[in-house]
Amino acid sequence: MNEERRQPAHVPDSAWADAYLERIGAARPVRSDASALRVLQLHHLMTVPFENLSIHLGQDIVLEEAKLVDKIVAQRRGGFCYELNGAFAALLRELGFRVTLLQARVFGDGGRLGIPYDHVALRVETDDGTGPWLADVGFGDHALHPLELEVRTEQDDPCGTFRFRDAPQEDLDLLRDGSRQFRLDMRPRVLTEFRAGAWYHRTSPESHFSRSLICSRYTGDGRVTLRGRTLITTRRGERHETELDNNAEVLAAYQDHFGITLTHPPSVRPPMTG
């Protein structure tokens, strides 16, 4: 069995996809069409948090589908892009979607592009003749719905107006409300190719993931985010910040807002040197 089809650990082979669907509160789709993809992406964003806690808890991040799915389903955790989109790709394939991993470089300050394999996104083909679609559950605050990859006009989403623009070497730039988000390389990739990018974001002092704690989830009418000890809630555009006073409040926030049970609060660890 090849790497992309290996079954998740701790869950019987015949049941892992159903357990994943139960985790995100979605029914098994009757058909692998665009409507089902849209529902699955939205449910994933509402239930599985974008978080980098493993980096600061000293936990390994292993880019194998079985381990990524196990982390989300059995451990009731989230992850960052490589983990979330890696696991989501496994689920979509199991449900009959045709999925290709794409590498992307994220635009930073001043329009500077990040490293190769900075981000992983999913090209998804459905059985209804629409698309292909860009599906992404691993970019934090981003599009709630899949985006049509071959459309160059504006695409409206609850989180903004998105547009693909042709870039050099047949790449695509994704813009949100006119601001460039990331540059997609349209060549197919496999999960193991992203190991260097994941290692960089775990270890480099230049990576914002190594320098801060983040746990964030879409709520249906806004977001809830825990940055270190600051709890940020946004509802219908209204933002509130609360500073948590002690470890007990931090642990309760992880449990109450994200379903994550921890024995001690994570704290930012010095970047690794090897």
Protein backbone atom coordinates (compact mmCIF):
# COMPACT_ATOMS: atom_id res chain seq x y z
CA MET A 1 0.00 0.00 0.00
CA ASN A 2 1.51 3.35 -0.96
CA GLU A 3 1.98 6.30 1.36
CA GLU A 4 -1.06 8.23 0.17
CA ARG A 5 -3.50 5.38 0.94
CA ARG A 6 -2.17 4.10 4.27
CA GLN A 7 -4.93 3.66 6.84
CA PRO A 8 -4.97 5.80 10.02
CA ALA A 9 -3.83 4.20 13.26
CA HIS A 10 -6.14 3.27 16.14
CA VAL A 11 -9.21 3.12 13.85
CA PRO A 12 -10.33 -0.04 12.02
CA ASP A 13 -9.74 0.12 8.28
CA SER A 14 -13.45 -0.02 7.51
CA ALA A 15 -14.37 2.78 9.91
CA TRP A 16 -11.70 5.52 9.83
CA ALA A 17 -13.46 7.74 7.29
CA ASP A 18 -16.73 7.50 9.24
CA ALA A 19 -14.86 8.41 12.42
CA TYR A 20 -13.34 11.41 10.62
CA LEU A 21 -16.77 12.49 9.37
CA GLU A 22 -18.17 12.17 12.89
CA ARG A 23 -15.27 14.30 14.16
CA ILE A 24 -16.21 17.15 11.82
CA GLY A 25 -19.96 16.66 12.19
CA ALA A 26 -20.61 15.83 8.55
CA ALA A 27 -22.62 13.04 6.92
CA ARG A 28 -21.02 10.75 4.35
CA PRO A 29 -21.86 12.36 0.99
CA VAL A 30 -23.95 10.45 -1.48
CA ARG A 31 -21.87 11.80 -4.34
CA SER A 32 -18.38 13.32 -4.54
CA ASP A 33 -19.59 16.53 -6.15
CA ALA A 34 -18.88 20.23 -5.63
CA SER A 35 -21.73 20.63 -3.16
CA ALA A 36 -20.35 17.86 -0.96
CA LEU A 37 -16.85 19.32 -1.14
CA ARG A 38 -18.18 22.68 -0.01
CA VAL A 39 -19.99 21.12 2.96
CA LEU A 40 -16.95 19.08 4.00
CA GLN A 41 -14.60 22.05 3.86
CA LEU A 42 -16.92 24.25 5.90
CA HIS A 43 -17.50 21.55 8.55
CA HIS A 44 -13.75 20.99 8.82
CA LEU A 45 -13.06 24.69 9.35
CA MET A 46 -15.75 24.89 12.04
CA THR A 47 -14.55 21.90 14.06
CA VAL A 48 -10.82 21.31 13.57
CA PRO A 49 -8.65 24.20 14.78
CA PHE A 50 -5.68 25.68 13.01
CA GLU A 51 -2.97 25.38 15.66
CA ASN A 52 0.78 25.05 16.14
CA LEU A 53 0.79 23.66 19.68
CA SER A 54 2.85 20.58 18.86
CA ILE A 55 5.84 22.77 18.02
CA HIS A 56 5.81 24.22 21.54
CA LEU A 57 4.82 21.03 23.35
CA GLY A 58 7.86 19.19 22.00
CA GLN A 59 5.70 16.79 19.99
CA ASP A 60 6.76 15.26 16.69
CA ILE A 61 5.04 16.30 13.47
CA VAL A 62 5.13 13.32 11.13
CA LEU A 63 3.86 13.88 7.60
CA GLU A 64 2.19 10.52 7.11
CA GLU A 65 -1.52 10.41 6.39
CA ALA A 66 -2.22 7.76 9.01
CA LYS A 67 -0.61 9.78 11.78
CA LEU A 68 -2.19 13.06 10.66
CA VAL A 69 -5.68 11.55 10.60
CA ASP A 70 -5.07 9.92 13.97
CA LYS A 71 -4.08 13.28 15.45
CA ILE A 72 -7.31 14.91 14.26
CA VAL A 73 -9.70 12.02 14.88
CA ALA A 74 -8.37 10.06 17.85
CA GLN A 75 -6.42 12.79 19.62
CA ARG A 76 -9.06 15.48 18.89
CA ARG A 77 -6.39 17.96 17.86
CA GLY A 78 -5.82 20.29 14.93
CA GLY A 79 -2.60 21.33 13.25
CA PHE A 80 -1.06 23.67 10.72
CA CYS A 81 -1.29 23.49 6.93
CA TYR A 82 0.73 20.33 6.27
CA GLU A 83 -1.23 18.41 8.88
CA LEU A 84 -4.72 19.74 8.18
CA ASN A 85 -4.62 19.60 4.40
CA GLY A 86 -2.69 16.32 4.47
CA ALA A 87 -5.41 14.68 6.54
CA PHE A 88 -8.24 16.34 4.60
CA ALA A 89 -6.76 15.02 1.35
CA ALA A 90 -6.88 11.48 2.75
CA LEU A 91 -10.55 11.89 3.68
CA LEU A 92 -11.51 13.35 0.31
CA ARG A 93 -9.78 10.54 -1.58
CA GLU A 94 -11.54 7.95 0.54
CA LEU A 95 -14.87 9.60 -0.33
CA GLY A 96 -14.19 9.45 -4.07
CA PHE A 97 -12.70 12.86 -4.84
CA ARG A 98 -9.57 13.11 -6.98
CA VAL A 99 -7.00 15.11 -5.02
CA THR A 100 -3.62 16.54 -5.96
CA LEU A 101 -1.30 18.21 -3.46
CA LEU A 102 0.08 21.59 -4.56
CA GLN A 103 2.93 23.52 -3.02
CA ALA A 104 2.64 27.25 -2.46
CA ARG A 105 4.82 30.12 -1.29
CA VAL A 106 3.12 32.62 1.01
CA PHE A 107 3.47 36.35 0.40
CA GLY A 108 4.94 38.12 3.42
CA ASP A 109 5.81 41.69 4.31
CA GLY A 110 6.51 43.85 1.29
CA GLY A 111 5.26 41.17 -1.07
CA ARG A 112 8.27 38.94 -0.36
CA LEU A 113 7.64 35.27 -1.19
CA GLY A 114 8.26 32.65 1.46
CA ILE A 115 10.22 29.45 1.08
CA PRO A 116 9.31 26.70 -1.41
CA TYR A 117 6.84 24.27 0.20
CA ASP A 118 5.77 27.07 2.52
CA HIS A 119 2.17 25.87 2.30
CA VAL A 120 0.25 22.87 0.97
CA ALA A 121 -3.12 23.27 -0.74
CA LEU A 122 -5.41 20.83 -2.54
CA ARG A 123 -6.51 20.64 -6.16
CA VAL A 124 -9.76 18.68 -6.11
CA GLU A 125 -11.72 17.21 -8.99
CA THR A 126 -15.35 16.27 -8.49
CA ASP A 127 -17.63 13.88 -10.37
CA ASP A 128 -20.10 16.54 -11.53
CA GLY A 129 -17.94 18.19 -14.19
CA THR A 130 -17.32 21.40 -12.23
CA GLY A 131 -14.00 22.79 -11.10
CA PRO A 132 -11.25 21.83 -10.60
CA TRP A 133 -11.35 23.37 -7.16
CA LEU A 134 -8.82 24.72 -4.70
CA ALA A 135 -9.74 23.30 -1.29
CA ASP A 136 -7.88 24.55 1.77
CA VAL A 137 -8.54 23.93 5.47
CA GLY A 138 -5.01 24.84 6.56
CA PHE A 139 -4.49 28.56 5.97
CA GLY A 140 -6.15 29.91 9.09
CA ASP A 141 -8.49 32.81 8.34
CA HIS A 142 -9.13 32.13 4.66
CA ALA A 143 -11.86 31.26 2.15
CA LEU A 144 -14.66 29.23 3.68
CA HIS A 145 -15.64 27.66 0.35
CA PRO A 146 -13.57 25.94 -2.34
CA LEU A 147 -12.45 28.24 -5.16
CA GLU A 148 -12.58 27.48 -8.90
CA LEU A 149 -9.00 27.19 -10.08
CA GLU A 150 -9.64 27.93 -13.76
CA VAL A 151 -11.72 31.07 -13.17
CA ARG A 152 -9.85 34.39 -13.39
CA THR A 153 -12.71 36.65 -12.36
CA GLU A 154 -13.58 37.54 -8.78
CA GLN A 155 -15.11 34.83 -6.59
CA ASP A 156 -17.19 36.00 -3.64
CA ASP A 157 -16.85 34.19 -0.33
CA PRO A 158 -18.12 35.03 3.18
CA CYS A 159 -14.49 35.87 4.06
CA GLY A 160 -13.86 38.20 1.15
CA THR A 161 -13.43 38.43 -2.60
CA PHE A 162 -10.89 36.03 -4.07
CA ARG A 163 -9.27 35.95 -7.48
CA PHE A 164 -6.63 33.86 -9.22
CA ARG A 165 -4.09 35.69 -11.34
CA ASP A 166 -1.58 34.16 -13.73
CA ALA A 167 2.01 34.32 -12.45
CA PRO A 168 5.41 33.48 -13.97
CA GLN A 169 6.27 29.86 -14.87
CA GLU A 170 2.57 28.95 -15.13
CA ASP A 171 2.05 29.51 -11.40
CA LEU A 172 -1.07 31.15 -9.97
CA ASP A 173 -1.30 33.96 -7.43
CA LEU A 174 -4.31 33.90 -5.13
CA LEU A 175 -5.56 37.34 -4.10
CA ARG A 176 -7.98 38.16 -1.30
CA ASP A 177 -9.60 41.59 -1.47
CA GLY A 178 -6.79 42.62 -3.81
CA SER A 179 -3.96 41.46 -1.53
CA ARG A 180 -1.77 38.55 -2.63
CA GLN A 181 -2.04 35.55 -0.32
CA PHE A 182 0.15 32.87 -1.86
CA ARG A 183 1.63 31.66 -5.15
CA LEU A 184 0.58 28.18 -6.28
CA ASP A 185 2.86 25.87 -8.21
CA MET A 186 0.45 23.73 -10.23
CA ARG A 187 2.72 20.68 -10.50
CA PRO A 188 1.51 17.63 -8.51
CA ARG A 189 3.34 16.88 -5.26
CA VAL A 190 3.34 14.15 -2.62
CA LEU A 191 3.22 14.63 1.12
CA THR A 192 6.85 13.64 1.77
CA GLU A 193 8.03 16.58 -0.34
CA PHE A 194 6.74 18.97 2.32
CA ARG A 195 8.98 17.63 5.10
CA ALA A 196 11.61 20.33 4.63
CA GLY A 197 8.96 23.07 4.78
CA ALA A 198 7.48 21.62 7.95
CA TRP A 199 10.95 21.31 9.50
CA TYR A 200 11.70 24.95 8.64
CA HIS A 201 8.52 26.20 10.27
CA ARG A 202 9.19 24.12 13.38
CA THR A 203 12.82 25.14 13.83
CA SER A 204 13.69 28.42 12.12
CA PRO A 205 13.68 31.65 14.16
CA GLU A 206 12.48 33.29 10.94
CA SER A 207 9.23 31.32 11.03
CA HIS A 208 6.31 32.94 12.84
CA PHE A 209 5.16 29.45 13.88
CA SER A 210 8.31 28.97 15.97
CA ARG A 211 7.92 32.39 17.61
CA SER A 212 4.28 32.36 18.67
CA LEU A 213 1.39 30.21 19.88
CA ILE A 214 -1.80 30.10 17.85
CA CYS A 215 -5.03 28.13 18.06
CA SER A 216 -7.95 29.37 15.95
CA ARG A 217 -11.29 28.14 14.63
CA TYR A 218 -14.14 29.49 12.50
CA THR A 219 -17.35 29.68 14.54
CA GLY A 220 -20.08 30.28 11.97
CA ASP A 221 -20.35 34.03 12.51
CA GLY A 222 -16.72 34.86 13.28
CA ARG A 223 -13.63 33.31 14.82
CA VAL A 224 -12.27 32.34 18.19
CA THR A 225 -8.51 32.50 18.61
CA LEU A 226 -6.13 31.89 21.48
CA ARG A 227 -2.75 33.60 21.00
CA GLY A 228 -0.65 32.68 23.98
CA ARG A 229 -2.81 33.88 26.87
CA THR A 230 -4.94 36.28 24.82
CA LEU A 231 -8.40 35.01 23.91
CA ILE A 232 -9.76 36.82 20.85
CA THR A 233 -13.37 36.44 19.73
CA THR A 234 -14.81 38.03 16.63
CA ARG A 235 -18.54 37.92 15.99
CA ARG A 236 -20.16 39.65 13.03
CA GLY A 237 -17.14 41.91 12.75
CA GLU A 238 -17.04 42.87 16.43
CA ARG A 239 -13.76 41.95 18.11
CA HIS A 240 -13.12 41.31 21.80
CA GLU A 241 -9.86 40.46 23.58
CA THR A 242 -9.54 38.89 27.02
CA GLU A 243 -6.26 38.32 28.85
CA LEU A 244 -6.33 35.01 30.72
CA ASP A 245 -4.88 35.34 34.20
CA ASN A 246 -3.65 31.86 35.03
CA ASN A 247 -2.93 28.38 33.73
CA ALA A 248 -6.34 27.07 34.71
CA GLU A 249 -8.07 29.68 32.53
CA VAL A 250 -5.78 28.87 29.60
CA LEU A 251 -6.44 25.13 29.87
CA ALA A 252 -10.18 25.78 30.15
CA ALA A 253 -10.09 27.97 27.02
CA TYR A 254 -8.39 25.22 25.00
CA GLN A 255 -11.01 22.75 26.18
CA ASP A 256 -14.10 24.95 25.89
CA HIS A 257 -13.37 26.61 22.54
CA PHE A 258 -11.34 23.97 20.71
CA GLY A 259 -12.04 20.65 22.44
CA ILE A 260 -8.33 20.25 23.18
CA THR A 261 -7.43 18.66 26.52
CA LEU A 262 -3.95 19.52 27.81
CA THR A 263 -2.22 18.75 31.09
CA HIS A 264 -0.26 21.99 31.03
CA PRO A 265 -0.36 25.14 28.89
CA PRO A 266 2.16 25.27 26.05
CA SER A 267 4.72 28.04 26.07
CA VAL A 268 6.88 29.31 23.23
CA ARG A 269 10.01 27.16 23.02
CA PRO A 270 13.32 28.48 21.71
CA PRO A 271 13.73 27.50 18.04
CA MET A 272 15.52 24.19 17.55
CA THR A 273 19.05 24.26 16.19
CA GLY A 274 19.18 20.83 14.62
